[in-house]
Each structure stands twice: as structure tokens, then as C-alpha cells.
């Protein structure tokens, strides 16, 4: 019984280690707000590698790549 539990735990840990991580998702932009998300190459936030701009009229513009290192800003319209 204990052996089965250990094998199951080992398989679960292996699966988590093998599955690639996905970039963090920026939170949703509120209605009547303009929002900007900046994506950076690492935790130091020195090199921006992508961005997403959401205007008050609902237009969305993206460029570059998404990463797990981001900042999010919003301002009312």
C-alpha cells in the first residue's frame, strides 16, 4: 500500500516537472479603463520583450512575446 502511494507521488512530481510552464496571464482590463501590460525577459524588469495595450474604445494591440515577468497598469477613461 505504501509502495503504491510512493509510486503515485513520484509520478505526479515527474509530471509536474515535465509539463512546461505557461506565461502568466495579465488580469482583465476593467470596463471604462485603458490598460497596459508590459512583459519583461526576467525578474529584474530591465528588458521589455512584449506588451499589450487596451484602449478605452476596446481596441487591443499586442507586440513581442509574453513572459512570466510582467507589470500591469490601468487608468480610467
PDB file of N, CA and C in Angstrom:
ATOM      1  N   UNK A   1       0.819  -1.195   0.000  1.00  0.00           N
ATOM      2  CA  UNK A   1       0.000   0.000   0.000  1.00  0.00           C
ATOM      3  C   UNK A   1       0.867   1.265   0.000  1.00  0.00           C
ATOM      4  N   UNK A   2       1.850   1.293   0.869  1.00  0.00           N
ATOM      5  CA  UNK A   2       2.733   2.448   0.941  1.00  0.00           C
ATOM      6  C   UNK A   2       3.515   2.587  -0.359  1.00  0.00           C
ATOM      7  N   UNK A   3       3.891   1.459  -0.934  1.00  0.00           N
ATOM      8  CA  UNK A   3       4.632   1.496  -2.195  1.00  0.00           C
ATOM      9  C   UNK A   3       3.804   2.155  -3.295  1.00  0.00           C
ATOM     10  N   UNK A   4       2.505   1.841  -3.357  1.00  0.00           N
ATOM     11  CA  UNK A   4       1.638   2.452  -4.357  1.00  0.00           C
ATOM     12  C   UNK A   4       1.548   3.962  -4.165  1.00  0.00           C
ATOM     13  N   UNK A   5       1.451   4.398  -2.930  1.00  0.00           N
ATOM     14  CA  UNK A   5       1.373   5.824  -2.645  1.00  0.00           C
ATOM     15  C   UNK A   5       2.667   6.510  -3.067  1.00  0.00           C
ATOM     16  N   UNK A   6       3.805   5.903  -2.765  1.00  0.00           N
ATOM     17  CA  UNK A   6       5.087   6.488  -3.146  1.00  0.00           C
ATOM     18  C   UNK A   6       5.253   6.543  -4.662  1.00  0.00           C
ATOM     19  N   UNK A   7       4.831   5.506  -5.348  1.00  0.00           N
ATOM     20  CA  UNK A   7       4.919   5.483  -6.811  1.00  0.00           C
ATOM     21  C   UNK A   7       4.010   6.557  -7.407  1.00  0.00           C
ATOM     22  N   UNK A   8       2.799   6.683  -6.874  1.00  0.00           N
ATOM     23  CA  UNK A   8       1.872   7.701  -7.373  1.00  0.00           C
ATOM     24  C   UNK A   8       2.428   9.098  -7.128  1.00  0.00           C
ATOM     25  N   UNK A   9       3.015   9.331  -5.970  1.00  0.00           N
ATOM     26  CA  UNK A   9       3.594  10.635  -5.665  1.00  0.00           C
ATOM     27  C   UNK A   9       4.771  10.928  -6.599  1.00  0.00           C
ATOM     28  N   UNK A  10       5.603   9.941  -6.853  1.00  0.00           N
ATOM     29  CA  UNK A  10       6.744  10.124  -7.740  1.00  0.00           C
ATOM     30  C   UNK A  10       6.274  10.438  -9.164  1.00  0.00           C
ATOM     31  N   UNK A  11       5.239   9.763  -9.632  1.00  0.00           N
ATOM     32  CA  UNK A  11       4.704  10.033 -10.966  1.00  0.00           C
ATOM     33  C   UNK A  11       4.120  11.438 -11.048  1.00  0.00           C
ATOM     34  N   UNK A  12       3.434  11.866 -10.007  1.00  0.00           N
ATOM     35  CA  UNK A  12       2.849  13.211 -10.002  1.00  0.00           C
ATOM     36  C   UNK A  12       3.941  14.275 -10.038  1.00  0.00           C
ATOM     37  N   UNK A  13       4.992  14.095  -9.259  1.00  0.00           N
ATOM     38  CA  UNK A  13       6.088  15.054  -9.256  1.00  0.00           C
ATOM     39  C   UNK A  13       6.812  15.092 -10.596  1.00  0.00           C
ATOM     40  N   UNK A  14       6.972  13.926 -11.205  1.00  0.00           N
ATOM     41  CA  UNK A  14       7.613  13.854 -12.520  1.00  0.00           C
ATOM     42  C   UNK A  14       6.760  14.572 -13.564  1.00  0.00           C
ATOM     43  N   UNK A  15       5.450  14.367 -13.504  1.00  0.00           N
ATOM     44  CA  UNK A  15       4.564  15.026 -14.465  1.00  0.00           C
ATOM     45  C   UNK A  15       4.636  16.541 -14.315  1.00  0.00           C
ATOM     46  N   UNK A  16       4.688  17.035 -13.092  1.00  0.00           N
ATOM     47  CA  UNK A  16       4.782  18.476 -12.877  1.00  0.00           C
ATOM     48  C   UNK A  16       6.110  19.036 -13.366  1.00  0.00           C
ATOM     49  N   UNK A  17       7.155  18.255 -13.259  1.00  0.00           N
ATOM     50  CA  UNK A  17       8.470  18.712 -13.698  1.00  0.00           C
ATOM     51  C   UNK A  17       8.579  18.711 -15.228  1.00  0.00           C
ATOM     52  N   UNK A  18       7.858  17.817 -15.893  1.00  0.00           N
ATOM     53  CA  UNK A  18       7.943  17.678 -17.341  1.00  0.00           C
ATOM     54  C   UNK A  18       7.049  18.676 -18.065  1.00  0.00           C
ATOM     55  N   UNK A  19       5.896  19.006 -17.477  1.00  0.00           N
ATOM     56  CA  UNK A  19       4.954  19.920 -18.119  1.00  0.00           C
ATOM     57  C   UNK A  19       5.556  21.316 -18.148  1.00  0.00           C
ATOM     58  N   UNK A  20       5.679  21.907 -19.318  1.00  0.00           N
ATOM     59  CA  UNK A  20       6.270  23.255 -19.388  1.00  0.00           C
ATOM     60  C   UNK A  20       5.345  24.285 -18.754  1.00  0.00           C
ATOM     61  N   UNK A  21       5.938  25.300 -18.185  1.00  0.00           N
ATOM     62  CA  UNK A  21       5.126  26.347 -17.587  1.00  0.00           C
ATOM     63  C   UNK A  21       4.661  27.304 -18.674  1.00  0.00           C
ATOM     64  N   UNK A  22       3.535  27.925 -18.444  1.00  0.00           N
ATOM     65  CA  UNK A  22       2.999  28.892 -19.390  1.00  0.00           C
ATOM     66  C   UNK A  22       3.180  30.294 -18.823  1.00  0.00           C
ATOM     67  N   UNK A  23       3.270  31.287 -19.679  1.00  0.00           N
ATOM     68  CA  UNK A  23       3.423  32.653 -19.189  1.00  0.00           C
ATOM     69  C   UNK A  23       2.242  33.077 -18.331  1.00  0.00           C
ATOM     70  N   UNK A  24       2.516  33.933 -17.399  1.00  0.00           N
ATOM     71  CA  UNK A  24       1.459  34.454 -16.558  1.00  0.00           C
ATOM     72  C   UNK A  24       0.501  35.287 -17.391  1.00  0.00           C
ATOM     73  N   UNK A  25      -0.756  35.211 -17.029  1.00  0.00           N
ATOM     74  CA  UNK A  25      -1.765  35.990 -17.719  1.00  0.00           C
ATOM     75  C   UNK A  25      -1.992  37.289 -16.973  1.00  0.00           C
ATOM     76  N   UNK A  26      -2.055  38.366 -17.687  1.00  0.00           N
ATOM     77  CA  UNK A  26      -2.367  39.647 -17.073  1.00  0.00           C
ATOM     78  C   UNK A  26      -3.839  39.649 -16.686  1.00  0.00           C
ATOM     79  N   UNK A  27      -4.148  40.406 -15.673  1.00  0.00           N
ATOM     80  CA  UNK A  27      -5.550  40.458 -15.269  1.00  0.00           C
ATOM     81  C   UNK A  27      -6.361  41.200 -16.328  1.00  0.00           C
ATOM     82  N   UNK A  28      -7.662  41.006 -16.270  1.00  0.00           N
ATOM     83  CA  UNK A  28      -8.541  41.608 -17.259  1.00  0.00           C
ATOM     84  C   UNK A  28      -8.643  43.115 -17.040  1.00  0.00           C
ATOM     85  N   UNK A  29      -8.777  43.829 -18.123  1.00  0.00           N
ATOM     86  CA  UNK A  29      -8.932  45.278 -18.073  1.00  0.00           C
ATOM     87  C   UNK A  29     -10.391  45.587 -17.735  1.00  0.00           C
ATOM     88  N   UNK A  30     -10.610  46.449 -16.761  1.00  0.00           N
ATOM     89  CA  UNK A  30     -11.962  46.812 -16.341  1.00  0.00           C
ATOM     90  C   UNK A  30     -12.649  47.652 -17.420  1.00  0.00           C
ATOM     91  N   UNK A  31     -13.971  47.647 -17.393  1.00  0.00           N
ATOM     92  CA  UNK A  31     -14.746  48.477 -18.304  1.00  0.00           C
ATOM     93  C   UNK A  31     -14.477  49.941 -17.965  1.00  0.00           C
ATOM     94  N   UNK A  32     -14.367  50.757 -18.991  1.00  0.00           N
ATOM     95  CA  UNK A  32     -14.085  52.192 -18.875  1.00  0.00           C
ATOM     96  C   UNK A  32     -12.696  52.478 -18.314  1.00  0.00           C
ATOM     97  N   UNK A  33     -11.749  51.614 -18.614  1.00  0.00           N
ATOM     98  CA  UNK A  33     -10.344  51.810 -18.247  1.00  0.00           C
ATOM     99  C   UNK A  33      -9.466  51.544 -19.464  1.00  0.00           C
ATOM    100  N   UNK A  34      -8.361  52.228 -19.533  1.00  0.00           N
ATOM    101  CA  UNK A  34      -7.319  51.933 -20.518  1.00  0.00           C
ATOM    102  C   UNK A  34      -6.224  51.187 -19.763  1.00  0.00           C
ATOM    103  N   UNK A  35      -5.729  50.096 -20.331  1.00  0.00           N
ATOM    104  CA  UNK A  35      -4.769  49.253 -19.620  1.00  0.00           C
ATOM    105  C   UNK A  35      -3.536  48.977 -20.475  1.00  0.00           C
ATOM    106  N   UNK A  36      -2.412  48.781 -19.800  1.00  0.00           N
ATOM    107  CA  UNK A  36      -1.180  48.406 -20.491  1.00  0.00           C
ATOM    108  C   UNK A  36      -0.460  47.335 -19.676  1.00  0.00           C
ATOM    109  N   UNK A  37      -0.084  46.269 -20.339  1.00  0.00           N
ATOM    110  CA  UNK A  37       0.694  45.199 -19.730  1.00  0.00           C
ATOM    111  C   UNK A  37       2.045  45.153 -20.417  1.00  0.00           C
ATOM    112  N   UNK A  38       3.111  45.195 -19.627  1.00  0.00           N
ATOM    113  CA  UNK A  38       4.473  45.100 -20.171  1.00  0.00           C
ATOM    114  C   UNK A  38       5.071  43.768 -19.730  1.00  0.00           C
ATOM    115  N   UNK A  39       5.652  43.035 -20.665  1.00  0.00           N
ATOM    116  CA  UNK A  39       6.292  41.745 -20.388  1.00  0.00           C
ATOM    117  C   UNK A  39       7.806  41.919 -20.453  1.00  0.00           C
ATOM    118  N   UNK A  40       8.507  41.354 -19.492  1.00  0.00           N
ATOM    119  CA  UNK A  40       9.958  41.504 -19.388  1.00  0.00           C
ATOM    120  C   UNK A  40      10.655  40.150 -19.487  1.00  0.00           C
ATOM    121  N   UNK A  41      11.937  40.185 -19.796  1.00  0.00           N
ATOM    122  CA  UNK A  41      12.704  38.951 -20.000  1.00  0.00           C
ATOM    123  C   UNK A  41      13.030  38.237 -18.694  1.00  0.00           C
ATOM    124  N   UNK A  42      13.124  38.978 -17.589  1.00  0.00           N
ATOM    125  CA  UNK A  42      13.439  38.348 -16.302  1.00  0.00           C
ATOM    126  C   UNK A  42      12.910  39.204 -15.156  1.00  0.00           C
ATOM    127  N   UNK A  43      13.168  38.765 -13.940  1.00  0.00           N
ATOM    128  CA  UNK A  43      12.620  39.413 -12.752  1.00  0.00           C
ATOM    129  C   UNK A  43      13.179  40.815 -12.508  1.00  0.00           C
ATOM    130  N   UNK A  44      14.285  41.162 -13.128  1.00  0.00           N
ATOM    131  CA  UNK A  44      14.849  42.499 -12.918  1.00  0.00           C
ATOM    132  C   UNK A  44      14.070  43.586 -13.670  1.00  0.00           C
ATOM    133  N   UNK A  45      13.215  43.182 -14.617  1.00  0.00           N
ATOM    134  CA  UNK A  45      12.374  44.098 -15.400  1.00  0.00           C
ATOM    135  C   UNK A  45      13.194  45.174 -16.119  1.00  0.00           C
ATOM    136  N   UNK A  46      14.351  44.788 -16.636  1.00  0.00           N
ATOM    137  CA  UNK A  46      15.181  45.751 -17.362  1.00  0.00           C
ATOM    138  C   UNK A  46      14.981  45.684 -18.870  1.00  0.00           C
ATOM    139  N   UNK A  47      14.654  44.515 -19.403  1.00  0.00           N
ATOM    140  CA  UNK A  47      14.481  44.360 -20.845  1.00  0.00           C
ATOM    141  C   UNK A  47      13.044  43.971 -21.151  1.00  0.00           C
ATOM    142  N   UNK A  48      12.312  44.880 -21.774  1.00  0.00           N
ATOM    143  CA  UNK A  48      10.932  44.591 -22.139  1.00  0.00           C
ATOM    144  C   UNK A  48      10.928  43.777 -23.427  1.00  0.00           C
ATOM    145  N   UNK A  49      10.181  42.660 -23.425  1.00  0.00           N
ATOM    146  CA  UNK A  49      10.141  41.774 -24.587  1.00  0.00           C
ATOM    147  C   UNK A  49       8.769  41.737 -25.258  1.00  0.00           C
ATOM    148  N   UNK A  50       7.789  42.406 -24.665  1.00  0.00           N
ATOM    149  CA  UNK A  50       6.457  42.424 -25.257  1.00  0.00           C
ATOM    150  C   UNK A  50       5.541  43.363 -24.514  1.00  0.00           C
ATOM    151  N   UNK A  51       4.372  43.584 -25.102  1.00  0.00           N
ATOM    152  CA  UNK A  51       3.403  44.464 -24.470  1.00  0.00           C
ATOM    153  C   UNK A  51       2.011  44.248 -25.006  1.00  0.00           C
ATOM    154  N   UNK A  52       1.037  44.710 -24.233  1.00  0.00           N
ATOM    155  CA  UNK A  52      -0.365  44.635 -24.640  1.00  0.00           C
ATOM    156  C   UNK A  52      -1.038  45.923 -24.193  1.00  0.00           C
ATOM    157  N   UNK A  53      -1.674  46.595 -25.123  1.00  0.00           N
ATOM    158  CA  UNK A  53      -2.362  47.853 -24.840  1.00  0.00           C
ATOM    159  C   UNK A  53      -3.843  47.686 -25.149  1.00  0.00           C
ATOM    160  N   UNK A  54      -4.685  48.084 -24.194  1.00  0.00           N
ATOM    161  CA  UNK A  54      -6.132  48.016 -24.370  1.00  0.00           C
ATOM    162  C   UNK A  54      -6.691  49.427 -24.190  1.00  0.00           C
ATOM    163  N   UNK A  55      -7.290  49.964 -25.243  1.00  0.00           N
ATOM    164  CA  UNK A  55      -7.772  51.345 -25.204  1.00  0.00           C
ATOM    165  C   UNK A  55      -9.175  51.421 -24.617  1.00  0.00           C
ATOM    166  N   UNK A  56      -9.607  52.642 -24.351  1.00  0.00           N
ATOM    167  CA  UNK A  56     -10.950  52.866 -23.807  1.00  0.00           C
ATOM    168  C   UNK A  56     -12.040  52.425 -24.787  1.00  0.00           C
ATOM    169  N   UNK A  57     -11.741  52.462 -26.071  1.00  0.00           N
ATOM    170  CA  UNK A  57     -12.724  52.050 -27.081  1.00  0.00           C
ATOM    171  C   UNK A  57     -12.732  50.540 -27.308  1.00  0.00           C
ATOM    172  N   UNK A  58     -11.850  49.821 -26.619  1.00  0.00           N
ATOM    173  CA  UNK A  58     -11.839  48.362 -26.732  1.00  0.00           C
ATOM    174  C   UNK A  58     -10.815  47.806 -27.697  1.00  0.00           C
ATOM    175  N   UNK A  59     -10.048  48.671 -28.360  1.00  0.00           N
ATOM    176  CA  UNK A  59      -9.007  48.196 -29.274  1.00  0.00           C
ATOM    177  C   UNK A  59      -7.860  47.588 -28.480  1.00  0.00           C
ATOM    178  N   UNK A  60      -7.391  46.438 -28.933  1.00  0.00           N
ATOM    179  CA  UNK A  60      -6.287  45.739 -28.276  1.00  0.00           C
ATOM    180  C   UNK A  60      -5.119  45.643 -29.240  1.00  0.00           C
ATOM    181  N   UNK A  61      -3.946  46.047 -28.793  1.00  0.00           N
ATOM    182  CA  UNK A  61      -2.727  45.958 -29.590  1.00  0.00           C
ATOM    183  C   UNK A  61      -1.698  45.171 -28.795  1.00  0.00           C
ATOM    184  N   UNK A  62      -1.092  44.175 -29.427  1.00  0.00           N
ATOM    185  CA  UNK A  62      -0.050  43.382 -28.768  1.00  0.00           C
ATOM    186  C   UNK A  62       1.193  43.366 -29.643  1.00  0.00           C
ATOM    187  N   UNK A  63       2.337  43.177 -29.006  1.00  0.00           N
ATOM    188  CA  UNK A  63       3.596  43.038 -29.747  1.00  0.00           C
ATOM    189  C   UNK A  63       4.548  42.186 -28.915  1.00  0.00           C
ATOM    190  N   UNK A  64       5.523  41.581 -29.563  1.00  0.00           N
ATOM    191  CA  UNK A  64       6.549  40.794 -28.876  1.00  0.00           C
ATOM    192  C   UNK A  64       6.026  39.479 -28.337  1.00  0.00           C
ATOM    193  N   UNK A  65       6.605  39.065 -27.224  1.00  0.00           N
ATOM    194  CA  UNK A  65       6.253  37.792 -26.605  1.00  0.00           C
ATOM    195  C   UNK A  65       5.779  38.025 -25.176  1.00  0.00           C
ATOM    196  N   UNK A  66       4.970  37.089 -24.686  1.00  0.00           N
ATOM    197  CA  UNK A  66       4.536  37.127 -23.292  1.00  0.00           C
ATOM    198  C   UNK A  66       5.551  36.360 -22.450  1.00  0.00           C
ATOM    199  N   UNK A  67       5.690  36.781 -21.211  1.00  0.00           N
ATOM    200  CA  UNK A  67       6.568  36.067 -20.287  1.00  0.00           C
ATOM    201  C   UNK A  67       5.917  36.053 -18.914  1.00  0.00           C
ATOM    202  N   UNK A  68       6.540  35.384 -17.994  1.00  0.00           N
ATOM    203  CA  UNK A  68       6.027  35.321 -16.632  1.00  0.00           C
ATOM    204  C   UNK A  68       6.354  36.549 -15.811  1.00  0.00           C
ATOM    205  N   UNK A  69       7.105  37.474 -16.380  1.00  0.00           N
ATOM    206  CA  UNK A  69       7.520  38.682 -15.663  1.00  0.00           C
ATOM    207  C   UNK A  69       6.790  39.868 -16.280  1.00  0.00           C
ATOM    208  N   UNK A  70       5.817  40.411 -15.573  1.00  0.00           N
ATOM    209  CA  UNK A  70       5.002  41.451 -16.164  1.00  0.00           C
ATOM    210  C   UNK A  70       4.649  42.542 -15.162  1.00  0.00           C
ATOM    211  N   UNK A  71       4.263  43.677 -15.702  1.00  0.00           N
ATOM    212  CA  UNK A  71       3.658  44.749 -14.916  1.00  0.00           C
ATOM    213  C   UNK A  71       2.362  45.118 -15.592  1.00  0.00           C
ATOM    214  N   UNK A  72       1.403  45.552 -14.810  1.00  0.00           N
ATOM    215  CA  UNK A  72       0.090  45.893 -15.312  1.00  0.00           C
ATOM    216  C   UNK A  72      -0.294  47.261 -14.793  1.00  0.00           C
ATOM    217  N   UNK A  73      -0.738  48.130 -15.677  1.00  0.00           N
ATOM    218  CA  UNK A  73      -1.199  49.452 -15.249  1.00  0.00           C
ATOM    219  C   UNK A  73      -2.518  49.763 -15.912  1.00  0.00           C
ATOM    220  N   UNK A  74      -3.337  50.541 -15.203  1.00  0.00           N
ATOM    221  CA  UNK A  74      -4.632  50.926 -15.748  1.00  0.00           C
ATOM    222  C   UNK A  74      -4.954  52.362 -15.331  1.00  0.00           C
ATOM    223  N   UNK A  75      -5.733  53.016 -16.180  1.00  0.00           N
ATOM    224  CA  UNK A  75      -6.151  54.375 -15.847  1.00  0.00           C
ATOM    225  C   UNK A  75      -7.594  54.555 -16.350  1.00  0.00           C
ATOM    226  N   UNK A  76      -8.402  55.304 -15.606  1.00  0.00           N
ATOM    227  CA  UNK A  76      -9.795  55.496 -16.027  1.00  0.00           C
ATOM    228  C   UNK A  76      -9.883  56.328 -17.299  1.00  0.00           C
ATOM    229  N   UNK A  77     -10.891  56.047 -18.089  1.00  0.00           N
ATOM    230  CA  UNK A  77     -11.103  56.785 -19.345  1.00  0.00           C
ATOM    231  C   UNK A  77     -11.734  58.133 -19.089  1.00  0.00           C
TER     232      UNK A  77
END
